[in-house]
Amino acid sequence: MKLQTLLFLSTILLWQCQTKKENSSQTERNGAVIAFGSCSHQDNPDQMWREILAQDPDIWIWGGDNIYGDTEDMSILRAKYDKQKSREGYQELIQQVPVIGIWDDHDYGVNDGGREYPKKDSSKIMMLEFLDVPESEEVWSRPGAYQAYEKTINGINIQFILLDTRYFRDSLATDTTGNGRYMPRPEGDFLGEAQWEWLKDRLNNESVDLNVVMSSIQVIPEEHGWEKWANLSSSQDRLFDLIMEANPKPLIFLSGDRHIAEISKINIDNISYPVYEFTSSGLSHTWSEKRPEPNRYRVGDLIIEKNYGLIKVNKSDHVLEMDFEVRGKNDTTYLTESFELSYKEVNQ
């Protein structure tokens, strides 16, 4: 049995057996705490792993750019993953908290890369080993790195859906207007047919209370000129149509990539609840200067600080109560958004 399999199984055992620390003035908490983040450069020692661990999360989700690899040399990519994984604060986190995740472009191997990257299968192995995913998981035997995990945390059954927006993605259209890097085009695909069918099955899972869908790039925002689902508008439409048809249990999107944090909200036909997207990026660096960026779907402020995301979920009757928190260094909270999503009981 390989080392990554042993480590993953140990993490699952930790997940099943771990009890929350208590003292005379503290009772066991209700609900779930999900922490996530993206864009963490392995050479930057100023990371926030101990701050994250202090929040006592039930799970950590990597949202991409988990290292900055940018190479076709797999020995270089492995060395960068090893450097990131050996960081003392991160080691403390993975010994106490289950970790899952997906890649974005820099850890995939090429900036803004898609299906044309020649080393994507070798790079996938590096990422799965970094995440300690056992070889028994289906992700090892199929093209692409998309994954799903179903976890019950303090009575809340949560499905984590990790989309691969790199391995199958078609090329983007270069922006010739000077307003950004890319401009939308109607044709083109993000996920590939097998991943679309898999996602449809996951969204029809009636046994969950909440679907947490991680997309490394932003799903809802449309106005900026960088990578986003709206650059391949037919794929964005297909995603929203799929959600409309499945009418899944409450769903939220998580994303990274942008080196900022923000919360977006959209209404989708046939869905009784608003769909939120929580973008958290970056863990080790952010924009060098503050500038405005339009997003008509934004709720609250645009945060241009090093950050990670924290999601607190509680279930009451047929309602999920949720708090989104953008947090940073020195226990700073930059933004909080609280809301409720209606909850359908199974067989209701």
Protein backbone atom coordinates (compact mmCIF):
# COMPACT_ATOMS: atom_id res chain seq x y z
CA MET A 1 0.00 0.00 0.00
CA LYS A 2 1.48 3.34 -1.06
CA LEU A 3 2.20 6.16 1.35
CA GLN A 4 -0.51 8.46 -0.01
CA THR A 5 -3.13 5.75 0.51
CA LEU A 6 -2.08 5.24 4.12
CA LEU A 7 -2.15 8.98 4.76
CA PHE A 8 -5.59 9.36 3.19
CA LEU A 9 -7.02 6.46 5.18
CA SER A 10 -5.58 7.96 8.34
CA THR A 11 -7.31 11.23 7.48
CA ILE A 12 -10.64 9.47 6.98
CA LEU A 13 -10.19 7.73 10.33
CA LEU A 14 -9.45 11.10 11.88
CA TRP A 15 -12.62 12.47 10.26
CA GLN A 16 -14.76 9.69 11.71
CA CYS A 17 -13.25 9.61 15.17
CA GLN A 18 -12.24 13.18 15.92
CA THR A 19 -14.22 14.93 18.67
CA LYS A 20 -14.20 18.64 19.26
CA LYS A 21 -12.17 20.00 22.13
CA GLU A 22 -14.24 21.01 25.10
CA ASN A 23 -13.64 22.69 28.42
CA SER A 24 -15.83 23.68 31.34
CA SER A 25 -17.08 26.83 29.58
CA GLN A 26 -17.40 25.41 26.07
CA THR A 27 -19.95 22.93 24.76
CA GLU A 28 -19.65 20.96 21.56
CA ARG A 29 -20.53 23.22 18.66
CA ASN A 30 -23.37 22.64 16.24
CA GLY A 31 -23.07 22.79 12.49
CA ALA A 32 -20.14 22.58 10.11
CA VAL A 33 -17.14 24.82 9.51
CA ILE A 34 -15.62 24.71 6.01
CA ALA A 35 -12.35 26.48 5.27
CA PHE A 36 -10.97 26.99 1.78
CA GLY A 37 -8.50 29.05 -0.17
CA SER A 38 -6.34 29.29 -3.25
CA CYS A 39 -3.24 30.86 -4.77
CA SER A 40 -0.47 29.88 -2.35
CA HIS A 41 3.08 30.31 -3.60
CA GLN A 42 5.38 27.65 -2.20
CA ASP A 43 8.29 30.14 -1.92
CA ASN A 44 6.35 32.62 0.22
CA PRO A 45 6.83 31.85 3.93
CA ASP A 46 4.10 34.29 4.98
CA GLN A 47 1.15 31.91 4.86
CA MET A 48 -1.84 31.58 7.16
CA TRP A 49 -2.00 27.91 8.12
CA ARG A 50 -2.01 28.46 11.87
CA GLU A 51 -4.67 31.16 11.58
CA ILE A 52 -6.78 28.73 9.57
CA LEU A 53 -6.22 25.89 12.03
CA ALA A 54 -7.24 28.19 14.89
CA GLN A 55 -10.73 28.37 13.33
CA ASP A 56 -11.13 24.63 14.03
CA PRO A 57 -12.43 23.75 10.55
CA ASP A 58 -14.05 20.43 9.77
CA ILE A 59 -12.44 20.35 6.33
CA TRP A 60 -9.94 22.30 4.22
CA ILE A 61 -10.56 22.68 0.46
CA TRP A 62 -7.80 23.69 -1.94
CA GLY A 63 -9.30 25.84 -4.70
CA GLY A 64 -6.37 25.79 -7.10
CA ASP A 65 -2.96 27.35 -7.64
CA ASN A 66 -1.98 25.23 -4.66
CA ILE A 67 1.58 25.75 -5.86
CA TYR A 68 3.07 27.81 -8.67
CA GLY A 69 4.53 25.11 -10.91
CA ASP A 70 4.39 26.53 -14.45
CA THR A 71 6.57 23.88 -16.02
CA GLU A 72 6.57 20.79 -18.22
CA ASP A 73 9.38 19.30 -16.12
CA MET A 74 7.73 16.95 -13.63
CA SER A 75 10.80 16.83 -11.39
CA ILE A 76 10.47 20.59 -10.91
CA LEU A 77 6.74 20.28 -10.28
CA ARG A 78 7.28 17.56 -7.70
CA ALA A 79 9.94 19.59 -5.88
CA LYS A 80 7.56 22.53 -5.61
CA TYR A 81 4.77 20.33 -4.26
CA ASP A 82 7.20 18.80 -1.74
CA LYS A 83 8.25 22.26 -0.58
CA GLN A 84 4.66 23.33 -0.08
CA LYS A 85 3.65 20.15 1.69
CA SER A 86 6.60 20.20 4.09
CA ARG A 87 5.81 23.67 5.40
CA GLU A 88 5.45 23.39 9.19
CA GLY A 89 2.11 25.18 9.48
CA TYR A 90 0.59 23.16 6.66
CA GLN A 91 1.83 19.95 8.21
CA GLU A 92 0.01 20.89 11.40
CA LEU A 93 -3.16 21.46 9.41
CA ILE A 94 -3.14 18.16 7.49
CA GLN A 95 -2.47 16.20 10.66
CA GLN A 96 -5.65 17.56 12.23
CA VAL A 97 -8.03 18.41 9.37
CA PRO A 98 -9.19 16.39 6.33
CA VAL A 99 -8.01 17.98 3.06
CA ILE A 100 -9.49 17.78 -0.42
CA GLY A 101 -8.93 19.94 -3.47
CA ILE A 102 -8.57 20.61 -7.18
CA TRP A 103 -6.06 22.43 -9.36
CA ASP A 104 -6.18 25.69 -11.27
CA ASP A 105 -3.67 26.77 -13.93
CA HIS A 106 -0.31 27.31 -12.20
CA ASP A 107 -0.37 23.97 -10.39
CA TYR A 108 -1.82 22.36 -13.53
CA GLY A 109 1.43 23.43 -15.18
CA VAL A 110 0.82 26.43 -17.42
CA ASN A 111 -0.72 29.85 -16.89
CA ASP A 112 -4.35 29.94 -18.11
CA GLY A 113 -3.84 26.45 -19.54
CA GLY A 114 -6.44 24.13 -20.96
CA ARG A 115 -6.66 20.77 -22.72
CA GLU A 116 -3.62 21.50 -24.91
CA TYR A 117 -1.13 21.18 -22.01
CA PRO A 118 1.00 18.12 -22.93
CA LYS A 119 1.88 17.03 -19.38
CA LYS A 120 -1.63 17.09 -17.89
CA ASP A 121 -1.72 13.37 -17.05
CA SER A 122 1.65 13.45 -15.28
CA SER A 123 0.66 16.66 -13.52
CA LYS A 124 -2.57 15.03 -12.34
CA ILE A 125 -0.55 12.32 -10.58
CA MET A 126 1.49 14.99 -8.77
CA MET A 127 -1.63 16.78 -7.56
CA LEU A 128 -3.38 13.63 -6.35
CA GLU A 129 -0.26 12.56 -4.47
CA PHE A 130 0.00 16.01 -2.89
CA LEU A 131 -3.61 15.63 -1.72
CA ASP A 132 -3.02 12.02 -0.52
CA VAL A 133 -5.91 10.70 -2.62
CA PRO A 134 -5.84 6.86 -2.48
CA GLU A 135 -5.49 4.95 -5.72
CA SER A 136 -8.83 3.26 -5.03
CA GLU A 137 -10.63 6.53 -5.87
CA GLU A 138 -12.16 6.72 -9.36
CA VAL A 139 -10.30 9.93 -10.17
CA TRP A 140 -7.12 7.89 -10.67
CA SER A 141 -8.60 5.75 -13.44
CA ARG A 142 -10.39 8.33 -15.60
CA PRO A 143 -9.23 11.37 -17.59
CA GLY A 144 -9.34 14.62 -15.65
CA ALA A 145 -9.10 15.40 -11.94
CA TYR A 146 -12.75 16.02 -10.99
CA GLN A 147 -13.83 14.46 -7.69
CA ALA A 148 -16.76 14.33 -5.26
CA TYR A 149 -16.93 13.54 -1.55
CA GLU A 150 -19.95 13.20 0.70
CA LYS A 151 -19.39 14.01 4.38
CA THR A 152 -21.74 14.20 7.35
CA ILE A 153 -20.63 16.90 9.77
CA ASN A 154 -22.59 17.32 12.99
CA GLY A 155 -25.76 16.02 11.35
CA ILE A 156 -25.40 18.00 8.10
CA ASN A 157 -24.80 15.88 5.01
CA ILE A 158 -22.61 17.87 2.60
CA GLN A 159 -21.57 16.90 -0.90
CA PHE A 160 -18.31 18.47 -2.07
CA ILE A 161 -18.09 18.58 -5.87
CA LEU A 162 -14.67 19.52 -7.25
CA LEU A 163 -14.83 20.52 -10.92
CA ASP A 164 -11.86 20.22 -13.26
CA THR A 165 -11.89 23.39 -15.38
CA ARG A 166 -8.47 22.70 -16.98
CA TYR A 167 -8.05 19.20 -18.41
CA PHE A 168 -10.88 19.44 -21.00
CA ARG A 169 -11.15 23.20 -21.49
CA ASP A 170 -11.13 24.64 -25.00
CA SER A 171 -9.06 27.69 -25.92
CA LEU A 172 -10.14 31.20 -24.95
CA ALA A 173 -10.49 34.27 -27.20
CA THR A 174 -7.86 36.95 -26.71
CA ASP A 175 -9.22 40.39 -25.93
CA THR A 176 -8.12 42.78 -28.67
CA THR A 177 -9.77 45.85 -27.09
CA GLY A 178 -7.16 46.34 -24.37
CA ASN A 179 -9.73 45.98 -21.58
CA GLY A 180 -8.48 42.64 -20.31
CA ARG A 181 -6.84 39.38 -21.30
CA TYR A 182 -9.87 37.51 -22.69
CA MET A 183 -13.23 38.27 -24.23
CA PRO A 184 -16.30 36.03 -24.32
CA ARG A 185 -17.03 33.74 -27.26
CA PRO A 186 -20.19 31.63 -27.62
CA GLU A 187 -18.64 28.29 -28.49
CA GLY A 188 -16.24 26.15 -26.46
CA ASP A 189 -16.40 23.74 -23.54
CA PHE A 190 -15.02 23.65 -20.00
CA LEU A 191 -15.80 20.18 -18.68
CA GLY A 192 -15.94 17.55 -21.41
CA GLU A 193 -18.95 15.27 -21.90
CA ALA A 194 -17.97 12.66 -19.31
CA GLN A 195 -17.60 15.31 -16.60
CA TRP A 196 -20.92 16.93 -17.60
CA GLU A 197 -22.70 13.59 -17.19
CA TRP A 198 -20.95 12.98 -13.88
CA LEU A 199 -21.95 16.44 -12.63
CA LYS A 200 -25.57 15.81 -13.62
CA ASP A 201 -25.56 12.64 -11.49
CA ARG A 202 -24.01 14.46 -8.54
CA LEU A 203 -26.61 17.25 -8.65
CA ASN A 204 -29.41 14.68 -8.59
CA ASN A 205 -28.17 13.32 -5.26
CA GLU A 206 -31.20 13.69 -2.98
CA SER A 207 -29.46 12.37 0.12
CA VAL A 208 -27.54 15.59 0.82
CA ASP A 209 -28.45 18.77 2.65
CA LEU A 210 -25.96 21.01 0.84
CA ASN A 211 -23.93 20.91 -2.38
CA VAL A 212 -20.60 22.75 -2.25
CA VAL A 213 -19.29 23.08 -5.82
CA MET A 214 -15.67 24.14 -6.21
CA SER A 215 -14.73 25.73 -9.54
CA SER A 216 -11.19 27.08 -9.65
CA ILE A 217 -12.30 29.98 -11.85
CA GLN A 218 -15.25 32.26 -11.21
CA VAL A 219 -18.69 31.05 -12.28
CA ILE A 220 -21.03 34.04 -11.82
CA PRO A 221 -19.03 37.28 -12.43
CA GLU A 222 -19.10 38.34 -16.10
CA GLU A 223 -17.63 41.83 -16.43
CA HIS A 224 -13.91 41.46 -15.79
CA GLY A 225 -11.49 40.56 -18.58
CA TRP A 226 -9.74 37.59 -17.00
CA GLU A 227 -10.51 33.88 -16.81
CA LYS A 228 -14.15 33.10 -15.98
CA TRP A 229 -16.95 30.77 -17.08
CA ALA A 230 -18.53 33.60 -19.09
CA ASN A 231 -15.58 33.50 -21.52
CA LEU A 232 -17.15 30.32 -22.96
CA SER A 233 -20.72 31.51 -22.67
CA SER A 234 -22.34 28.32 -23.97
CA SER A 235 -20.66 26.38 -21.15
CA GLN A 236 -21.83 28.89 -18.55
CA ASP A 237 -25.37 28.65 -19.95
CA ARG A 238 -25.16 24.86 -19.91
CA LEU A 239 -24.08 24.88 -16.28
CA PHE A 240 -26.96 27.11 -15.22
CA ASP A 241 -29.40 25.07 -17.32
CA LEU A 242 -28.17 21.89 -15.66
CA ILE A 243 -28.77 23.41 -12.22
CA MET A 244 -32.21 24.60 -13.32
CA GLU A 245 -33.17 21.12 -14.57
CA ALA A 246 -31.76 19.23 -11.60
CA ASN A 247 -33.22 21.67 -9.06
CA PRO A 248 -30.73 20.31 -6.52
CA LYS A 249 -30.65 20.58 -2.77
CA PRO A 250 -29.15 23.96 -1.75
CA LEU A 251 -26.03 24.70 -3.76
CA ILE A 252 -23.19 27.18 -3.36
CA PHE A 253 -20.16 27.78 -5.55
CA LEU A 254 -16.61 28.31 -4.32
CA SER A 255 -13.86 29.72 -6.53
CA GLY A 256 -10.36 31.19 -6.42
CA ASP A 257 -7.83 32.33 -9.06
CA ARG A 258 -8.35 36.11 -8.87
CA HIS A 259 -6.11 37.15 -5.92
CA ILE A 260 -9.14 38.90 -4.40
CA ALA A 261 -12.16 37.87 -2.37
CA GLU A 262 -15.80 38.62 -3.10
CA ILE A 263 -19.29 37.17 -2.79
CA SER A 264 -21.64 37.02 -5.77
CA LYS A 265 -25.33 36.11 -5.93
CA ILE A 266 -27.56 35.13 -8.84
CA ASN A 267 -31.10 33.87 -9.30
CA ILE A 268 -31.61 30.85 -11.57
CA ASP A 269 -34.99 29.96 -13.03
CA ASN A 270 -36.79 27.12 -11.24
CA ILE A 271 -34.48 27.38 -8.20
CA SER A 272 -36.28 28.50 -5.05
CA TYR A 273 -33.10 29.88 -3.44
CA PRO A 274 -30.48 32.37 -4.64
CA VAL A 275 -27.19 30.79 -5.73
CA TYR A 276 -24.16 32.29 -4.03
CA GLU A 277 -20.52 32.17 -5.11
CA PHE A 278 -17.74 32.73 -2.57
CA THR A 279 -14.39 33.63 -4.15
CA SER A 280 -11.33 33.44 -1.90
CA SER A 281 -7.83 34.14 -3.27
CA GLY A 282 -4.93 34.46 -2.47
CA LEU A 283 -3.38 32.85 0.53
CA SER A 284 0.12 34.22 -0.05
CA HIS A 285 -0.34 37.25 -2.31
CA THR A 286 -2.93 39.63 -3.74
CA TRP A 287 -3.08 42.63 -6.08
CA SER A 288 -0.12 45.01 -5.78
CA GLU A 289 -2.47 48.00 -5.89
CA LYS A 290 -6.16 48.47 -5.23
CA ARG A 291 -8.42 49.25 -8.17
CA PRO A 292 -12.15 49.06 -8.81
CA GLU A 293 -13.65 46.12 -10.66
CA PRO A 294 -17.31 45.97 -11.66
CA ASN A 295 -19.43 42.93 -10.76
CA ARG A 296 -23.18 43.52 -10.85
CA TYR A 297 -23.71 40.31 -8.90
CA ARG A 298 -21.42 41.26 -6.01
CA VAL A 299 -22.77 41.27 -2.47
CA GLY A 300 -20.74 43.49 -0.14
CA ASP A 301 -17.22 44.76 -0.78
CA LEU A 302 -14.39 43.70 -3.05
CA ILE A 303 -11.57 42.53 -0.74
CA ILE A 304 -8.01 43.12 -1.93
CA GLU A 305 -6.08 41.55 0.94
CA LYS A 306 -4.47 38.18 1.53
CA ASN A 307 -7.36 35.99 2.62
CA TYR A 308 -8.99 32.63 3.12
CA GLY A 309 -12.66 31.72 3.20
CA LEU A 310 -14.64 30.36 6.14
CA ILE A 311 -18.17 28.98 5.82
CA LYS A 312 -20.28 28.19 8.87
CA VAL A 313 -23.35 26.05 8.25
CA ASN A 314 -26.18 25.23 10.62
CA LYS A 315 -29.39 23.32 9.92
CA SER A 316 -32.70 24.21 11.52
CA ASP A 317 -35.92 22.50 10.45
CA HIS A 318 -36.03 23.01 6.66
CA VAL A 319 -33.51 25.86 6.52
CA LEU A 320 -29.73 26.03 6.20
CA GLU A 321 -28.27 29.02 8.00
CA MET A 322 -24.95 30.09 6.49
CA ASP A 323 -22.24 32.61 7.28
CA PHE A 324 -19.56 33.45 4.70
CA GLU A 325 -16.49 35.07 6.23
CA VAL A 326 -13.48 36.50 4.38
CA ARG A 327 -10.66 36.26 6.87
CA GLY A 328 -6.97 37.14 6.90
CA LYS A 329 -3.88 37.71 8.98
CA ASN A 330 -4.05 38.47 12.71
CA ASP A 331 -7.60 37.09 13.01
CA THR A 332 -8.94 39.87 10.76
CA THR A 333 -12.45 39.52 9.33
CA TYR A 334 -12.82 41.57 6.13
CA LEU A 335 -16.34 40.63 5.11
CA THR A 336 -19.28 38.64 6.47
CA GLU A 337 -22.45 37.68 4.64
CA SER A 338 -25.22 35.79 6.45
CA PHE A 339 -28.20 34.21 4.70
CA GLU A 340 -30.61 31.27 4.73
CA LEU A 341 -31.32 28.63 2.09
CA SER A 342 -34.48 26.55 2.16
CA TYR A 343 -33.87 22.89 2.82
CA LYS A 344 -35.86 20.02 1.29
CA GLU A 345 -36.18 16.85 3.33
CA VAL A 346 -35.51 13.59 1.49
CA ASN A 347 -38.80 12.08 0.22
CA GLN A 348 -40.64 15.27 1.11
